[in-house]
Structure formats: C-alpha cells, structure tokens
C-alpha cells in the first residue's frame, strides 16, 4: 500500500511512502504520542502533524477494510 502525505501549500512537494500494516501502526502510534506530548511552538507544525495523523488513520482504515 502506498501512503501519500500531501503537505500544506507552503511545501509543494508530495511524498509517497510504502509501509506494511504493522509499520503503519507503529508510525501512527508515534504520531499520537508526539501530539500528546506536544511542547508547543509553531502552530503550522502542529497542523502538519495533525494532517499526518489523519492520513495514517485513513490508511489504517483502508487496511481494515481490505482485511474484511
């Protein structure tokens, strides 16, 4: 499965990452932990992390749908 992360408009490059379901779960858990311990700072960075988290959730749901 290809997971695509489309950055905010300021960052026009697209990034495609291929991950197994287990790798995606680990990545998702890392993002969740990072958001929980967010020290503050640039709100655009937090928005980008939120976008990554949303895309990983979507990809995990796709995996769950494919498994059924």
N, C-alpha and C. Protein backbone atom coordinates (compact mmCIF):
# COMPACT_ATOMS: atom_id res chain seq x y z
N UNK A 1 0.84 -1.18 0.00
CA UNK A 1 0.00 0.00 0.00
C UNK A 1 0.88 1.23 0.00
N UNK A 2 0.54 2.19 -0.81
CA UNK A 2 1.22 3.47 -0.81
C UNK A 2 0.46 4.41 0.10
N UNK A 3 1.17 5.08 0.97
CA UNK A 3 0.58 6.08 1.84
C UNK A 3 1.08 7.42 1.34
N UNK A 4 0.18 8.30 1.01
CA UNK A 4 0.62 9.60 0.50
C UNK A 4 0.34 10.68 1.52
N UNK A 5 1.30 11.53 1.70
CA UNK A 5 1.16 12.67 2.60
C UNK A 5 1.26 13.91 1.74
N UNK A 6 0.20 14.67 1.67
CA UNK A 6 0.19 15.88 0.87
C UNK A 6 0.41 17.07 1.80
N UNK A 7 1.59 17.65 1.75
CA UNK A 7 1.92 18.75 2.67
C UNK A 7 1.07 19.99 2.43
N UNK A 8 1.18 20.91 3.34
CA UNK A 8 0.47 22.17 3.23
C UNK A 8 0.99 22.93 2.00
N UNK A 9 0.25 23.92 1.56
CA UNK A 9 0.57 24.65 0.35
C UNK A 9 1.97 25.25 0.35
N UNK A 10 2.49 25.60 1.50
CA UNK A 10 3.82 26.19 1.59
C UNK A 10 4.90 25.19 1.16
N UNK A 11 4.58 23.92 1.25
CA UNK A 11 5.53 22.86 0.95
C UNK A 11 4.98 22.05 -0.23
N UNK A 12 5.30 22.45 -1.45
CA UNK A 12 4.63 21.86 -2.62
C UNK A 12 5.05 20.44 -2.99
N UNK A 13 6.01 19.86 -2.33
CA UNK A 13 6.47 18.52 -2.67
C UNK A 13 5.54 17.46 -2.10
N UNK A 14 5.25 16.43 -2.91
CA UNK A 14 4.47 15.29 -2.44
C UNK A 14 5.42 14.19 -2.05
N UNK A 15 5.05 13.45 -1.02
CA UNK A 15 5.87 12.35 -0.52
C UNK A 15 5.01 11.10 -0.49
N UNK A 16 5.51 10.03 -1.07
CA UNK A 16 4.81 8.74 -1.05
C UNK A 16 5.67 7.75 -0.29
N UNK A 17 5.07 7.07 0.66
CA UNK A 17 5.78 6.10 1.50
C UNK A 17 5.03 4.78 1.42
N UNK A 18 5.75 3.70 1.21
CA UNK A 18 5.15 2.38 1.23
C UNK A 18 5.48 1.73 2.58
N UNK A 19 4.42 1.30 3.28
CA UNK A 19 4.59 0.69 4.60
C UNK A 19 3.72 -0.55 4.71
N UNK A 20 4.18 -1.48 5.51
CA UNK A 20 3.33 -2.62 5.86
C UNK A 20 2.30 -2.13 6.89
N UNK A 21 1.30 -2.94 7.14
CA UNK A 21 0.29 -2.57 8.13
C UNK A 21 0.93 -2.36 9.51
N UNK A 22 1.85 -3.24 9.89
CA UNK A 22 2.49 -3.10 11.20
C UNK A 22 3.35 -1.84 11.28
N UNK A 23 4.07 -1.53 10.20
CA UNK A 23 4.87 -0.30 10.18
C UNK A 23 3.96 0.92 10.30
N UNK A 24 2.84 0.88 9.62
CA UNK A 24 1.91 2.00 9.67
C UNK A 24 1.35 2.17 11.08
N UNK A 25 1.04 1.07 11.74
CA UNK A 25 0.55 1.16 13.13
C UNK A 25 1.59 1.80 14.04
N UNK A 26 2.85 1.39 13.89
CA UNK A 26 3.92 1.96 14.72
C UNK A 26 4.05 3.45 14.44
N UNK A 27 4.05 3.84 13.16
CA UNK A 27 4.14 5.24 12.79
C UNK A 27 2.98 6.04 13.38
N UNK A 28 1.78 5.49 13.27
CA UNK A 28 0.60 6.14 13.84
C UNK A 28 0.75 6.33 15.35
N UNK A 29 1.19 5.28 16.04
CA UNK A 29 1.38 5.39 17.49
C UNK A 29 2.43 6.43 17.85
N UNK A 30 3.47 6.55 17.04
CA UNK A 30 4.49 7.59 17.27
C UNK A 30 3.88 8.98 17.15
N UNK A 31 3.07 9.18 16.13
CA UNK A 31 2.41 10.48 15.94
C UNK A 31 1.48 10.80 17.10
N UNK A 32 0.71 9.81 17.53
CA UNK A 32 -0.21 10.02 18.65
C UNK A 32 0.58 10.42 19.89
N UNK A 33 1.67 9.71 20.18
CA UNK A 33 2.50 10.04 21.34
C UNK A 33 3.10 11.42 21.24
N UNK A 34 3.53 11.79 20.05
CA UNK A 34 4.13 13.11 19.87
C UNK A 34 3.10 14.21 20.10
N UNK A 35 1.90 14.03 19.56
CA UNK A 35 0.84 15.03 19.76
C UNK A 35 0.48 15.15 21.25
N UNK A 36 0.43 14.02 21.95
CA UNK A 36 0.08 14.04 23.38
C UNK A 36 1.11 14.81 24.18
N UNK A 37 2.36 14.77 23.74
CA UNK A 37 3.44 15.46 24.47
C UNK A 37 3.90 16.72 23.75
N UNK A 38 3.03 17.27 22.90
CA UNK A 38 3.37 18.44 22.11
C UNK A 38 3.83 19.58 23.02
N UNK A 39 5.07 20.06 22.85
CA UNK A 39 5.59 21.10 23.73
C UNK A 39 5.15 22.50 23.35
N UNK A 40 4.43 22.63 22.27
CA UNK A 40 4.04 23.96 21.79
C UNK A 40 4.99 24.40 20.70
N UNK A 41 4.79 25.57 20.21
CA UNK A 41 5.65 26.07 19.15
C UNK A 41 4.83 26.50 17.96
N UNK A 42 5.41 26.34 16.80
CA UNK A 42 4.80 26.79 15.55
C UNK A 42 3.49 26.05 15.30
N UNK A 43 2.36 26.75 15.26
CA UNK A 43 1.08 26.08 15.03
C UNK A 43 1.00 25.40 13.67
N UNK A 44 1.77 25.88 12.69
CA UNK A 44 1.77 25.23 11.37
C UNK A 44 2.38 23.84 11.46
N UNK A 45 3.39 23.69 12.31
CA UNK A 45 3.99 22.37 12.51
C UNK A 45 2.98 21.42 13.13
N UNK A 46 2.25 21.90 14.11
CA UNK A 46 1.22 21.06 14.74
C UNK A 46 0.15 20.69 13.71
N UNK A 47 -0.21 21.61 12.84
CA UNK A 47 -1.21 21.33 11.81
C UNK A 47 -0.69 20.26 10.85
N UNK A 48 0.59 20.32 10.51
CA UNK A 48 1.17 19.30 9.63
C UNK A 48 1.14 17.93 10.29
N UNK A 49 1.44 17.90 11.59
CA UNK A 49 1.42 16.63 12.33
C UNK A 49 -0.01 16.10 12.39
N UNK A 50 -0.97 17.00 12.61
CA UNK A 50 -2.38 16.58 12.60
C UNK A 50 -2.77 16.00 11.24
N UNK A 51 -2.28 16.62 10.16
CA UNK A 51 -2.56 16.10 8.82
C UNK A 51 -1.96 14.71 8.63
N UNK A 52 -0.73 14.51 9.11
CA UNK A 52 -0.09 13.19 9.02
C UNK A 52 -0.89 12.16 9.81
N UNK A 53 -1.35 12.56 10.98
CA UNK A 53 -2.14 11.65 11.81
C UNK A 53 -3.43 11.27 11.11
N UNK A 54 -4.09 12.23 10.50
CA UNK A 54 -5.32 11.95 9.77
C UNK A 54 -5.07 10.98 8.61
N UNK A 55 -4.00 11.20 7.86
CA UNK A 55 -3.69 10.32 6.74
C UNK A 55 -3.34 8.91 7.20
N UNK A 56 -2.66 8.78 8.33
CA UNK A 56 -2.35 7.43 8.82
C UNK A 56 -3.61 6.74 9.30
N UNK A 57 -4.53 7.48 9.90
CA UNK A 57 -5.81 6.89 10.30
C UNK A 57 -6.57 6.39 9.08
N UNK A 58 -6.58 7.19 8.02
CA UNK A 58 -7.26 6.78 6.80
C UNK A 58 -6.65 5.51 6.23
N UNK A 59 -5.33 5.46 6.21
CA UNK A 59 -4.65 4.29 5.67
C UNK A 59 -4.92 3.06 6.52
N UNK A 60 -4.94 3.21 7.84
CA UNK A 60 -5.25 2.07 8.72
C UNK A 60 -6.67 1.58 8.48
N UNK A 61 -7.60 2.51 8.26
CA UNK A 61 -8.97 2.10 7.95
C UNK A 61 -9.04 1.38 6.61
N UNK A 62 -8.23 1.82 5.65
CA UNK A 62 -8.18 1.10 4.37
C UNK A 62 -7.69 -0.32 4.57
N UNK A 63 -6.64 -0.48 5.36
CA UNK A 63 -6.14 -1.82 5.66
C UNK A 63 -7.22 -2.66 6.31
N UNK A 64 -7.94 -2.08 7.26
CA UNK A 64 -9.01 -2.83 7.96
C UNK A 64 -10.09 -3.24 6.97
N UNK A 65 -10.42 -2.36 6.05
CA UNK A 65 -11.44 -2.66 5.04
C UNK A 65 -10.97 -3.79 4.11
N UNK A 66 -9.69 -3.75 3.72
CA UNK A 66 -9.15 -4.77 2.85
C UNK A 66 -9.09 -6.13 3.53
N UNK A 67 -8.89 -6.15 4.85
CA UNK A 67 -8.80 -7.40 5.60
C UNK A 67 -10.14 -8.11 5.72
N UNK A 68 -11.23 -7.36 5.59
CA UNK A 68 -12.57 -7.96 5.73
C UNK A 68 -13.01 -8.71 4.51
